[in-house]
Structures are given as structure tokens and as C-alpha cells.
Amino acid sequence: IHGKVEFLSLASRGEPLLCPDIEKMLAYT
């Protein structure tokens, strides 16, 4: 989606900070 979608949310049904890889995910964005 990089370059195709500009508006993105990291959230939906659960709490995103519970994801073990959330810090690596944030770095990748």
C-alpha cells in the first residue's frame, strides 16, 4: 500500500499495544 494508500490506522477490534511486534511495526511505517 505504500504510495497507494495515504491514510492508515493501526487499530481495529483490539488494543494495538498488546501486539508483541508493535514497536517493529511502527518503525516499519
mmCIF file of all heavy atoms, coordinates in Angstrom:
data_MODEL
# 
_entry.id   MODEL 
# 
loop_
_atom_site.group_PDB 
_atom_site.id 
_atom_site.type_symbol 
_atom_site.label_atom_id 
_atom_site.label_alt_id 
_atom_site.label_comp_id 
_atom_site.label_asym_id 
_atom_site.label_entity_id 
_atom_site.label_seq_id 
_atom_site.pdbx_PDB_ins_code 
_atom_site.Cartn_x 
_atom_site.Cartn_y 
_atom_site.Cartn_z 
_atom_site.occupancy 
_atom_site.B_iso_or_equiv 
_atom_site.pdbx_formal_charge 
_atom_site.auth_seq_id 
_atom_site.auth_comp_id 
_atom_site.auth_asym_id 
_atom_site.auth_atom_id 
_atom_site.pdbx_PDB_model_num 
ATOM 1   N N   . ILE A 1 1  ? 0.803   -1.227  0.000  1.00 0.00 ? 1  ILE A N   1 
ATOM 2   C CA  . ILE A 1 1  ? 0.000   0.000   0.000  1.00 0.00 ? 1  ILE A CA  1 
ATOM 3   C C   . ILE A 1 1  ? 0.831   1.270   0.000  1.00 0.00 ? 1  ILE A C   1 
ATOM 4   O O   . ILE A 1 1  ? 0.299   2.353   -0.248 1.00 0.00 ? 1  ILE A O   1 
ATOM 5   C CB  . ILE A 1 1  ? -0.981  0.023   1.190  1.00 0.00 ? 1  ILE A CB  1 
ATOM 6   C CG1 . ILE A 1 1  ? -0.235  0.083   2.531  1.00 0.00 ? 1  ILE A CG1 1 
ATOM 7   C CG2 . ILE A 1 1  ? -1.922  -1.172  1.119  1.00 0.00 ? 1  ILE A CG2 1 
ATOM 8   C CD1 . ILE A 1 1  ? -1.146  0.293   3.730  1.00 0.00 ? 1  ILE A CD1 1 
ATOM 9   N N   . HIS A 1 2  ? 2.137   1.167   0.283  1.00 0.00 ? 2  HIS A N   1 
ATOM 10  C CA  . HIS A 1 2  ? 2.995   2.357   0.303  1.00 0.00 ? 2  HIS A CA  1 
ATOM 11  C C   . HIS A 1 2  ? 2.931   3.065   -1.052 1.00 0.00 ? 2  HIS A C   1 
ATOM 12  O O   . HIS A 1 2  ? 3.210   2.484   -2.092 1.00 0.00 ? 2  HIS A O   1 
ATOM 13  C CB  . HIS A 1 2  ? 4.436   1.956   0.626  1.00 0.00 ? 2  HIS A CB  1 
ATOM 14  C CG  . HIS A 1 2  ? 5.371   3.117   0.696  1.00 0.00 ? 2  HIS A CG  1 
ATOM 15  N ND1 . HIS A 1 2  ? 6.725   2.991   0.419  1.00 0.00 ? 2  HIS A ND1 1 
ATOM 16  C CD2 . HIS A 1 2  ? 5.167   4.431   0.993  1.00 0.00 ? 2  HIS A CD2 1 
ATOM 17  C CE1 . HIS A 1 2  ? 7.298   4.173   0.565  1.00 0.00 ? 2  HIS A CE1 1 
ATOM 18  N NE2 . HIS A 1 2  ? 6.383   5.054   0.906  1.00 0.00 ? 2  HIS A NE2 1 
ATOM 19  N N   . GLY A 1 3  ? 2.545   4.333   -1.038 1.00 0.00 ? 3  GLY A N   1 
ATOM 20  C CA  . GLY A 1 3  ? 2.415   5.100   -2.261 1.00 0.00 ? 3  GLY A CA  1 
ATOM 21  C C   . GLY A 1 3  ? 1.056   4.992   -2.918 1.00 0.00 ? 3  GLY A C   1 
ATOM 22  O O   . GLY A 1 3  ? 0.784   5.691   -3.901 1.00 0.00 ? 3  GLY A O   1 
ATOM 23  N N   . LYS A 1 4  ? 0.206   4.121   -2.392 1.00 0.00 ? 4  LYS A N   1 
ATOM 24  C CA  . LYS A 1 4  ? -1.138  3.929   -2.958 1.00 0.00 ? 4  LYS A CA  1 
ATOM 25  C C   . LYS A 1 4  ? -2.230  4.344   -1.976 1.00 0.00 ? 4  LYS A C   1 
ATOM 26  O O   . LYS A 1 4  ? -3.264  4.865   -2.379 1.00 0.00 ? 4  LYS A O   1 
ATOM 27  C CB  . LYS A 1 4  ? -1.331  2.469   -3.360 1.00 0.00 ? 4  LYS A CB  1 
ATOM 28  C CG  . LYS A 1 4  ? -0.300  1.954   -4.360 1.00 0.00 ? 4  LYS A CG  1 
ATOM 29  C CD  . LYS A 1 4  ? -0.551  0.500   -4.686 1.00 0.00 ? 4  LYS A CD  1 
ATOM 30  C CE  . LYS A 1 4  ? 0.469   -0.040  -5.687 1.00 0.00 ? 4  LYS A CE  1 
ATOM 31  N NZ  . LYS A 1 4  ? 1.789   -0.230  -5.061 1.00 0.00 ? 4  LYS A NZ  1 
ATOM 32  N N   . VAL A 1 5  ? -2.009  4.070   -0.694 1.00 0.00 ? 5  VAL A N   1 
ATOM 33  C CA  . VAL A 1 5  ? -2.928  4.482   0.371  1.00 0.00 ? 5  VAL A CA  1 
ATOM 34  C C   . VAL A 1 5  ? -2.152  5.424   1.283  1.00 0.00 ? 5  VAL A C   1 
ATOM 35  O O   . VAL A 1 5  ? -1.056  5.085   1.728  1.00 0.00 ? 5  VAL A O   1 
ATOM 36  C CB  . VAL A 1 5  ? -3.438  3.276   1.175  1.00 0.00 ? 5  VAL A CB  1 
ATOM 37  C CG1 . VAL A 1 5  ? -4.348  3.725   2.314  1.00 0.00 ? 5  VAL A CG1 1 
ATOM 38  C CG2 . VAL A 1 5  ? -4.171  2.286   0.270  1.00 0.00 ? 5  VAL A CG2 1 
ATOM 39  N N   . GLU A 1 6  ? -2.721  6.592   1.566  1.00 0.00 ? 6  GLU A N   1 
ATOM 40  C CA  . GLU A 1 6  ? -2.016  7.579   2.386  1.00 0.00 ? 6  GLU A CA  1 
ATOM 41  C C   . GLU A 1 6  ? -2.587  7.704   3.800  1.00 0.00 ? 6  GLU A C   1 
ATOM 42  O O   . GLU A 1 6  ? -1.930  8.236   4.682  1.00 0.00 ? 6  GLU A O   1 
ATOM 43  C CB  . GLU A 1 6  ? -2.048  8.948   1.711  1.00 0.00 ? 6  GLU A CB  1 
ATOM 44  C CG  . GLU A 1 6  ? -1.233  9.030   0.428  1.00 0.00 ? 6  GLU A CG  1 
ATOM 45  C CD  . GLU A 1 6  ? 0.275   9.033   0.664  1.00 0.00 ? 6  GLU A CD  1 
ATOM 46  O OE1 . GLU A 1 6  ? 0.702   8.958   1.828  1.00 0.00 ? 6  GLU A OE1 1 
ATOM 47  O OE2 . GLU A 1 6  ? 1.020   9.115   -0.325 1.00 0.00 ? 6  GLU A OE2 1 
ATOM 48  N N   . PHE A 1 7  ? -3.808  7.237   4.008  1.00 0.00 ? 7  PHE A N   1 
ATOM 49  C CA  . PHE A 1 7  ? -4.439  7.313   5.326  1.00 0.00 ? 7  PHE A CA  1 
ATOM 50  C C   . PHE A 1 7  ? -4.563  5.901   5.884  1.00 0.00 ? 7  PHE A C   1 
ATOM 51  O O   . PHE A 1 7  ? -5.211  5.040   5.282  1.00 0.00 ? 7  PHE A O   1 
ATOM 52  C CB  . PHE A 1 7  ? -5.821  7.965   5.237  1.00 0.00 ? 7  PHE A CB  1 
ATOM 53  C CG  . PHE A 1 7  ? -5.816  9.384   4.754  1.00 0.00 ? 7  PHE A CG  1 
ATOM 54  C CD1 . PHE A 1 7  ? -6.997  9.994   4.365  1.00 0.00 ? 7  PHE A CD1 1 
ATOM 55  C CD2 . PHE A 1 7  ? -4.655  10.129  4.690  1.00 0.00 ? 7  PHE A CD2 1 
ATOM 56  C CE1 . PHE A 1 7  ? -7.029  11.307  3.926  1.00 0.00 ? 7  PHE A CE1 1 
ATOM 57  C CE2 . PHE A 1 7  ? -4.653  11.440  4.252  1.00 0.00 ? 7  PHE A CE2 1 
ATOM 58  C CZ  . PHE A 1 7  ? -5.839  12.034  3.862  1.00 0.00 ? 7  PHE A CZ  1 
ATOM 59  N N   . LEU A 1 8  ? -3.972  5.689   7.048  1.00 0.00 ? 8  LEU A N   1 
ATOM 60  C CA  . LEU A 1 8  ? -3.864  4.353   7.622  1.00 0.00 ? 8  LEU A CA  1 
ATOM 61  C C   . LEU A 1 8  ? -4.106  4.412   9.118  1.00 0.00 ? 8  LEU A C   1 
ATOM 62  O O   . LEU A 1 8  ? -3.696  5.370   9.787  1.00 0.00 ? 8  LEU A O   1 
ATOM 63  C CB  . LEU A 1 8  ? -2.450  3.798   7.356  1.00 0.00 ? 8  LEU A CB  1 
ATOM 64  C CG  . LEU A 1 8  ? -2.074  2.450   7.957  1.00 0.00 ? 8  LEU A CG  1 
ATOM 65  C CD1 . LEU A 1 8  ? -2.836  1.330   7.268  1.00 0.00 ? 8  LEU A CD1 1 
ATOM 66  C CD2 . LEU A 1 8  ? -0.562  2.218   7.819  1.00 0.00 ? 8  LEU A CD2 1 
ATOM 67  N N   . SER A 1 9  ? -4.799  3.402   9.649  1.00 0.00 ? 9  SER A N   1 
ATOM 68  C CA  . SER A 1 9  ? -4.961  3.264   11.100 1.00 0.00 ? 9  SER A CA  1 
ATOM 69  C C   . SER A 1 9  ? -4.370  1.939   11.555 1.00 0.00 ? 9  SER A C   1 
ATOM 70  O O   . SER A 1 9  ? -4.567  0.913   10.900 1.00 0.00 ? 9  SER A O   1 
ATOM 71  C CB  . SER A 1 9  ? -6.440  3.286   11.499 1.00 0.00 ? 9  SER A CB  1 
ATOM 72  O OG  . SER A 1 9  ? -6.899  4.587   11.709 1.00 0.00 ? 9  SER A OG  1 
ATOM 73  N N   . LEU A 1 10 ? -3.669  1.990   12.684 1.00 0.00 ? 10 LEU A N   1 
ATOM 74  C CA  . LEU A 1 10 ? -3.248  0.764   13.362 1.00 0.00 ? 10 LEU A CA  1 
ATOM 75  C C   . LEU A 1 10 ? -4.160  0.580   14.562 1.00 0.00 ? 10 LEU A C   1 
ATOM 76  O O   . LEU A 1 10 ? -3.836  0.964   15.682 1.00 0.00 ? 10 LEU A O   1 
ATOM 77  C CB  . LEU A 1 10 ? -1.784  0.859   13.802 1.00 0.00 ? 10 LEU A CB  1 
ATOM 78  C CG  . LEU A 1 10 ? -0.751  1.031   12.697 1.00 0.00 ? 10 LEU A CG  1 
ATOM 79  C CD1 . LEU A 1 10 ? 0.660   0.932   13.268 1.00 0.00 ? 10 LEU A CD1 1 
ATOM 80  C CD2 . LEU A 1 10 ? -0.944  0.011   11.593 1.00 0.00 ? 10 LEU A CD2 1 
ATOM 81  N N   . ALA A 1 11 ? -5.317  0.048   14.295 1.00 0.00 ? 11 ALA A N   1 
ATOM 82  C CA  . ALA A 1 11 ? -6.311  -0.191  15.346 1.00 0.00 ? 11 ALA A CA  1 
ATOM 83  C C   . ALA A 1 11 ? -7.512  -0.811  14.674 1.00 0.00 ? 11 ALA A C   1 
ATOM 84  O O   . ALA A 1 11 ? -7.780  -0.553  13.504 1.00 0.00 ? 11 ALA A O   1 
ATOM 85  C CB  . ALA A 1 11 ? -6.732  1.096   16.039 1.00 0.00 ? 11 ALA A CB  1 
ATOM 86  N N   . SER A 1 12 ? -8.200  -1.631  15.395 1.00 0.00 ? 12 SER A N   1 
ATOM 87  C CA  . SER A 1 12 ? -9.494  -2.082  14.925 1.00 0.00 ? 12 SER A CA  1 
ATOM 88  C C   . SER A 1 12 ? -10.221 -2.752  16.064 1.00 0.00 ? 12 SER A C   1 
ATOM 89  O O   . SER A 1 12 ? -10.721 -2.102  16.961 1.00 0.00 ? 12 SER A O   1 
ATOM 90  C CB  . SER A 1 12 ? -9.373  -3.001  13.707 1.00 0.00 ? 12 SER A CB  1 
ATOM 91  O OG  . SER A 1 12 ? -10.560 -2.916  12.949 1.00 0.00 ? 12 SER A OG  1 
ATOM 92  N N   . ARG A 1 13 ? -10.199 -4.071  16.122 1.00 0.00 ? 13 ARG A N   1 
ATOM 93  C CA  . ARG A 1 13 ? -11.021 -4.722  17.138 1.00 0.00 ? 13 ARG A CA  1 
ATOM 94  C C   . ARG A 1 13 ? -10.332 -4.795  18.494 1.00 0.00 ? 13 ARG A C   1 
ATOM 95  O O   . ARG A 1 13 ? -11.008 -4.913  19.523 1.00 0.00 ? 13 ARG A O   1 
ATOM 96  C CB  . ARG A 1 13 ? -11.397 -6.128  16.662 1.00 0.00 ? 13 ARG A CB  1 
ATOM 97  C CG  . ARG A 1 13 ? -12.240 -6.137  15.396 1.00 0.00 ? 13 ARG A CG  1 
ATOM 98  C CD  . ARG A 1 13 ? -12.518 -7.537  14.901 1.00 0.00 ? 13 ARG A CD  1 
ATOM 99  N NE  . ARG A 1 13 ? -11.287 -8.230  14.517 1.00 0.00 ? 13 ARG A NE  1 
ATOM 100 C CZ  . ARG A 1 13 ? -11.251 -9.493  14.073 1.00 0.00 ? 13 ARG A CZ  1 
ATOM 101 N NH1 . ARG A 1 13 ? -12.389 -10.184 13.976 1.00 0.00 ? 13 ARG A NH1 1 
ATOM 102 N NH2 . ARG A 1 13 ? -10.104 -10.043 13.728 1.00 0.00 ? 13 ARG A NH2 1 
ATOM 103 N N   . GLY A 1 14 ? -9.000  -4.735  18.548 1.00 0.00 ? 14 GLY A N   1 
ATOM 104 C CA  . GLY A 1 14 ? -8.282  -4.921  19.797 1.00 0.00 ? 14 GLY A CA  1 
ATOM 105 C C   . GLY A 1 14 ? -7.388  -3.749  20.162 1.00 0.00 ? 14 GLY A C   1 
ATOM 106 O O   . GLY A 1 14 ? -7.432  -2.690  19.544 1.00 0.00 ? 14 GLY A O   1 
ATOM 107 N N   . GLU A 1 15 ? -6.549  -3.971  21.161 1.00 0.00 ? 15 GLU A N   1 
ATOM 108 C CA  . GLU A 1 15 ? -5.597  -2.973  21.646 1.00 0.00 ? 15 GLU A CA  1 
ATOM 109 C C   . GLU A 1 15 ? -4.255  -3.190  20.942 1.00 0.00 ? 15 GLU A C   1 
ATOM 110 O O   . GLU A 1 15 ? -3.591  -4.208  21.158 1.00 0.00 ? 15 GLU A O   1 
ATOM 111 C CB  . GLU A 1 15 ? -5.438  -3.093  23.156 1.00 0.00 ? 15 GLU A CB  1 
ATOM 112 C CG  . GLU A 1 15 ? -4.255  -2.351  23.759 1.00 0.00 ? 15 GLU A CG  1 
ATOM 113 C CD  . GLU A 1 15 ? -4.214  -0.878  23.396 1.00 0.00 ? 15 GLU A CD  1 
ATOM 114 O OE1 . GLU A 1 15 ? -5.245  -0.184  23.551 1.00 0.00 ? 15 GLU A OE1 1 
ATOM 115 O OE2 . GLU A 1 15 ? -3.143  -0.416  22.951 1.00 0.00 ? 15 GLU A OE2 1 
ATOM 116 N N   . PRO A 1 16 ? -3.817  -2.256  20.095 1.00 0.00 ? 16 PRO A N   1 
ATOM 117 C CA  . PRO A 1 16 ? -2.603  -2.482  19.298 1.00 0.00 ? 16 PRO A CA  1 
ATOM 118 C C   . PRO A 1 16 ? -1.337  -2.666  20.123 1.00 0.00 ? 16 PRO A C   1 
ATOM 119 O O   . PRO A 1 16 ? -0.419  -3.370  19.703 1.00 0.00 ? 16 PRO A O   1 
ATOM 120 C CB  . PRO A 1 16 ? -2.523  -1.244  18.406 1.00 0.00 ? 16 PRO A CB  1 
ATOM 121 C CG  . PRO A 1 16 ? -3.394  -0.227  19.060 1.00 0.00 ? 16 PRO A CG  1 
ATOM 122 C CD  . PRO A 1 16 ? -4.467  -0.975  19.754 1.00 0.00 ? 16 PRO A CD  1 
ATOM 123 N N   . LEU A 1 17 ? -1.253  -2.040  21.306 1.00 0.00 ? 17 LEU A N   1 
ATOM 124 C CA  . LEU A 1 17 ? -0.029  -2.151  22.097 1.00 0.00 ? 17 LEU A CA  1 
ATOM 125 C C   . LEU A 1 17 ? 0.140   -3.533  22.716 1.00 0.00 ? 17 LEU A C   1 
ATOM 126 O O   . LEU A 1 17 ? 1.200   -3.836  23.270 1.00 0.00 ? 17 LEU A O   1 
ATOM 127 C CB  . LEU A 1 17 ? -0.002  -1.079  23.185 1.00 0.00 ? 17 LEU A CB  1 
ATOM 128 C CG  . LEU A 1 17 ? 0.049   0.369   22.698 1.00 0.00 ? 17 LEU A CG  1 
ATOM 129 C CD1 . LEU A 1 17 ? 0.239   1.328   23.871 1.00 0.00 ? 17 LEU A CD1 1 
ATOM 130 C CD2 . LEU A 1 17 ? 1.143   0.586   21.660 1.00 0.00 ? 17 LEU A CD2 1 
ATOM 131 N N   . LEU A 1 18 ? -0.865  -4.387  22.601 1.00 0.00 ? 18 LEU A N   1 
ATOM 132 C CA  . LEU A 1 18 ? -0.729  -5.777  23.055 1.00 0.00 ? 18 LEU A CA  1 
ATOM 133 C C   . LEU A 1 18 ? 0.053   -6.631  22.059 1.00 0.00 ? 18 LEU A C   1 
ATOM 134 O O   . LEU A 1 18 ? 0.536   -7.705  22.416 1.00 0.00 ? 18 LEU A O   1 
ATOM 135 C CB  . LEU A 1 18 ? -2.103  -6.402  23.277 1.00 0.00 ? 18 LEU A CB  1 
ATOM 136 C CG  . LEU A 1 18 ? -2.753  -6.193  24.646 1.00 0.00 ? 18 LEU A CG  1 
ATOM 137 C CD1 . LEU A 1 18 ? -4.204  -6.653  24.621 1.00 0.00 ? 18 LEU A CD1 1 
ATOM 138 C CD2 . LEU A 1 18 ? -1.984  -6.940  25.728 1.00 0.00 ? 18 LEU A CD2 1 
ATOM 139 N N   . CYS A 1 19 ? 0.168   -6.162  20.824 1.00 0.00 ? 19 CYS A N   1 
ATOM 140 C CA  . CYS A 1 19 ? 0.883   -6.946  19.815 1.00 0.00 ? 19 CYS A CA  1 
ATOM 141 C C   . CYS A 1 19 ? 2.373   -6.988  20.149 1.00 0.00 ? 19 CYS A C   1 
ATOM 142 O O   . CYS A 1 19 ? 3.004   -5.941  20.328 1.00 0.00 ? 19 CYS A O   1 
ATOM 143 C CB  . CYS A 1 19 ? 0.689   -6.316  18.435 1.00 0.00 ? 19 CYS A CB  1 
ATOM 144 S SG  . CYS A 1 19 ? 1.537   -7.207  17.111 1.00 0.00 ? 19 CYS A SG  1 
ATOM 145 N N   . PRO A 1 20 ? 2.969   -8.180  20.242 1.00 0.00 ? 20 PRO A N   1 
ATOM 146 C CA  . PRO A 1 20 ? 4.388   -8.279  20.613 1.00 0.00 ? 20 PRO A CA  1 
ATOM 147 C C   . PRO A 1 20 ? 5.324   -7.522  19.663 1.00 0.00 ? 20 PRO A C   1 
ATOM 148 O O   . PRO A 1 20 ? 6.401   -7.074  20.077 1.00 0.00 ? 20 PRO A O   1 
ATOM 149 C CB  . PRO A 1 20 ? 4.658   -9.784  20.567 1.00 0.00 ? 20 PRO A CB  1 
ATOM 150 C CG  . PRO A 1 20 ? 3.326   -10.427 20.747 1.00 0.00 ? 20 PRO A CG  1 
ATOM 151 C CD  . PRO A 1 20 ? 2.349   -9.500  20.092 1.00 0.00 ? 20 PRO A CD  1 
ATOM 152 N N   . ASP A 1 21 ? 4.927   -7.383  18.392 1.00 0.00 ? 21 ASP A N   1 
ATOM 153 C CA  . ASP A 1 21 ? 5.791   -6.744  17.394 1.00 0.00 ? 21 ASP A CA  1 
ATOM 154 C C   . ASP A 1 21 ? 5.410   -5.304  17.096 1.00 0.00 ? 21 ASP A C   1 
ATOM 155 O O   . ASP A 1 21 ? 5.865   -4.732  16.099 1.00 0.00 ? 21 ASP A O   1 
ATOM 156 C CB  . ASP A 1 21 ? 5.752   -7.554  16.090 1.00 0.00 ? 21 ASP A CB  1 
ATOM 157 C CG  . ASP A 1 21 ? 6.479   -8.881  16.195 1.00 0.00 ? 21 ASP A CG  1 
ATOM 158 O OD1 . ASP A 1 21 ? 7.570   -8.912  16.800 1.00 0.00 ? 21 ASP A OD1 1 
ATOM 159 O OD2 . ASP A 1 21 ? 5.949   -9.885  15.685 1.00 0.00 ? 21 ASP A OD2 1 
ATOM 160 N N   . ILE A 1 22 ? 4.621   -4.686  17.952 1.00 0.00 ? 22 ILE A N   1 
ATOM 161 C CA  . ILE A 1 22 ? 4.111   -3.351  17.625 1.00 0.00 ? 22 ILE A CA  1 
ATOM 162 C C   . ILE A 1 22 ? 5.237   -2.333  17.445 1.00 0.00 ? 22 ILE A C   1 
ATOM 163 O O   . ILE A 1 22 ? 5.163   -1.460  16.570 1.00 0.00 ? 22 ILE A O   1 
ATOM 164 C CB  . ILE A 1 22 ? 3.100   -2.856  18.693 1.00 0.00 ? 22 ILE A CB  1 
ATOM 165 C CG1 . ILE A 1 22 ? 2.406   -1.569  18.227 1.00 0.00 ? 22 ILE A CG1 1 
ATOM 166 C CG2 . ILE A 1 22 ? 3.767   -2.671  20.047 1.00 0.00 ? 22 ILE A CG2 1 
ATOM 167 C CD1 . ILE A 1 22 ? 1.574   -1.723  16.973 1.00 0.00 ? 22 ILE A CD1 1 
ATOM 168 N N   . GLU A 1 23 ? 6.310   -2.416  18.213 1.00 0.00 ? 23 GLU A N   1 
ATOM 169 C CA  . GLU A 1 23 ? 7.389   -1.431  18.067 1.00 0.00 ? 23 GLU A CA  1 
ATOM 170 C C   . GLU A 1 23 ? 8.094   -1.589  16.727 1.00 0.00 ? 23 GLU A C   1 
ATOM 171 O O   . GLU A 1 23 ? 8.423   -0.602  16.064 1.00 0.00 ? 23 GLU A O   1 
ATOM 172 C CB  . GLU A 1 23 ? 8.364   -1.552  19.236 1.00 0.00 ? 23 GLU A CB  1 
ATOM 173 C CG  . GLU A 1 23 ? 7.727   -1.175  20.576 1.00 0.00 ? 23 GLU A CG  1 
ATOM 174 C CD  . GLU A 1 23 ? 8.726   -1.189  21.722 1.00 0.00 ? 23 GLU A CD  1 
ATOM 175 O OE1 . GLU A 1 23 ? 9.946   -1.062  21.462 1.00 0.00 ? 23 GLU A OE1 1 
ATOM 176 O OE2 . GLU A 1 23 ? 8.294   -1.302  22.879 1.00 0.00 ? 23 GLU A OE2 1 
ATOM 177 N N   . LYS A 1 24 ? 8.286   -2.826  16.286 1.00 0.00 ? 24 LYS A N   1 
ATOM 178 C CA  . LYS A 1 24 ? 8.890   -3.060  14.972 1.00 0.00 ? 24 LYS A CA  1 
ATOM 179 C C   . LYS A 1 24 ? 7.938   -2.629  13.856 1.00 0.00 ? 24 LYS A C   1 
ATOM 180 O O   . LYS A 1 24 ? 8.369   -2.121  12.814 1.00 0.00 ? 24 LYS A O   1 
ATOM 181 C CB  . LYS A 1 24 ? 9.261   -4.525  14.828 1.00 0.00 ? 24 LYS A CB  1 
ATOM 182 C CG  . LYS A 1 24 ? 10.366  -4.984  15.773 1.00 0.00 ? 24 LYS A CG  1 
ATOM 183 C CD  . LYS A 1 24 ? 10.639  -6.467  15.639 1.00 0.00 ? 24 LYS A CD  1 
ATOM 184 C CE  . LYS A 1 24 ? 11.711  -6.926  16.616 1.00 0.00 ? 24 LYS A CE  1 
ATOM 185 N NZ  . LYS A 1 24 ? 11.939  -8.399  16.549 1.00 0.00 ? 24 LYS A NZ  1 
ATOM 186 N N   . MET A 1 25 ? 6.658   -2.825  14.065 1.00 0.00 ? 25 MET A N   1 
ATOM 187 C CA  . MET A 1 25 ? 5.670   -2.383  13.081 1.00 0.00 ? 25 MET A CA  1 
ATOM 188 C C   . MET A 1 25 ? 5.707   -0.869  12.920 1.00 0.00 ? 25 MET A C   1 
ATOM 189 O O   . MET A 1 25 ? 5.695   -0.340  11.800 1.00 0.00 ? 25 MET A O   1 
ATOM 190 C CB  . MET A 1 25 ? 4.270   -2.833  13.504 1.00 0.00 ? 25 MET A CB  1 
ATOM 191 C CG  . MET A 1 25 ? 4.033   -4.323  13.424 1.00 0.00 ? 25 MET A CG  1 
ATOM 192 S SD  . MET A 1 25 ? 2.395   -4.768  14.076 1.00 0.00 ? 25 MET A SD  1 
ATOM 193 C CE  . MET A 1 25 ? 2.312   -6.515  13.647 1.00 0.00 ? 25 MET A CE  1 
ATOM 194 N N   . LEU A 1 26 ? 5.753   -0.165  14.044 1.00 0.00 ? 26 LEU A N   1 
ATOM 195 C CA  . LEU A 1 26 ? 5.798   1.288   13.984 1.00 0.00 ? 26 LEU A CA  1 
ATOM 196 C C   . LEU A 1 26 ? 7.048   1.769   13.252 1.00 0.00 ? 26 LEU A C   1 
ATOM 197 O O   . LEU A 1 26 ? 6.996   2.702   12.438 1.00 0.00 ? 26 LEU A O   1 
ATOM 198 C CB  . LEU A 1 26 ? 5.752   1.867   15.401 1.00 0.00 ? 26 LEU A CB  1 
ATOM 199 C CG  . LEU A 1 26 ? 4.410   1.708   16.129 1.00 0.00 ? 26 LEU A CG  1 
ATOM 200 C CD1 . LEU A 1 26 ? 4.563   2.063   17.601 1.00 0.00 ? 26 LEU A CD1 1 
ATOM 201 C CD2 . LEU A 1 26 ? 3.338   2.568   15.484 1.00 0.00 ? 26 LEU A CD2 1 
ATOM 202 N N   . ALA A 1 27 ? 8.166   1.142   13.524 1.00 0.00 ? 27 ALA A N   1 
ATOM 203 C CA  . ALA A 1 27 ? 9.408   1.520   12.847 1.00 0.00 ? 27 ALA A CA  1 
ATOM 204 C C   . ALA A 1 27 ? 9.294   1.318   11.338 1.00 0.00 ? 27 ALA A C   1 
ATOM 205 O O   . ALA A 1 27 ? 9.833   2.110   10.550 1.00 0.00 ? 27 ALA A O   1 
ATOM 206 C CB  . ALA A 1 27 ? 10.575  0.718   13.410 1.00 0.00 ? 27 ALA A CB  1 
ATOM 207 N N   . TYR A 1 28 ? 8.577   0.286   10.927 1.00 0.00 ? 28 TYR A N   1 
ATOM 208 C CA  . TYR A 1 28 ? 8.460   -0.030  9.504  1.00 0.00 ? 28 TYR A CA  1 
ATOM 209 C C   . TYR A 1 28 ? 7.573   0.973   8.759  1.00 0.00 ? 28 TYR A C   1 
ATOM 210 O O   . TYR A 1 28 ? 7.658   1.067   7.525  1.00 0.00 ? 28 TYR A O   1 
ATOM 211 C CB  . TYR A 1 28 ? 7.912   -1.446  9.327  1.00 0.00 ? 28 TYR A CB  1 
ATOM 212 C CG  . TYR A 1 28 ? 8.218   -2.052  7.978  1.00 0.00 ? 28 TYR A CG  1 
ATOM 213 C CD1 . TYR A 1 28 ? 9.520   -2.446  7.661  1.00 0.00 ? 28 TYR A CD1 1 
ATOM 214 C CD2 . TYR A 1 28 ? 7.221   -2.205  7.016  1.00 0.00 ? 28 TYR A CD2 1 
ATOM 215 C CE1 . TYR A 1 28 ? 9.809   -2.994  6.422  1.00 0.00 ? 28 TYR A CE1 1 
ATOM 216 C CE2 . TYR A 1 28 ? 7.498   -2.759  5.776  1.00 0.00 ? 28 TYR A CE2 1 
ATOM 217 C CZ  . TYR A 1 28 ? 8.799   -3.148  5.486  1.00 0.00 ? 28 TYR A CZ  1 
ATOM 218 O OH  . TYR A 1 28 ? 9.089   -3.684  4.252  1.00 0.00 ? 28 TYR A OH  1 
ATOM 219 N N   . THR A 1 29 ? 6.742   1.708   9.474  1.00 0.00 ? 29 THR A N   1 
ATOM 220 C CA  . THR A 1 29 ? 5.868   2.682   8.819  1.00 0.00 ? 29 THR A CA  1 
ATOM 221 C C   . THR A 1 29 ? 6.504   4.062   8.684  1.00 0.00 ? 29 THR A C   1 
ATOM 222 O O   . THR A 1 29 ? 5.931   4.942   8.035  1.00 0.00 ? 29 THR A O   1 
ATOM 223 C CB  . THR A 1 29 ? 4.552   2.857   9.613  1.00 0.00 ? 29 THR A CB  1 
ATOM 224 O OG1 . THR A 1 29 ? 4.836   3.449   10.896 1.00 0.00 ? 29 THR A OG1 1 
ATOM 225 C CG2 . THR A 1 29 ? 3.835   1.541   9.803  1.00 0.00 ? 29 THR A CG2 1 
# 
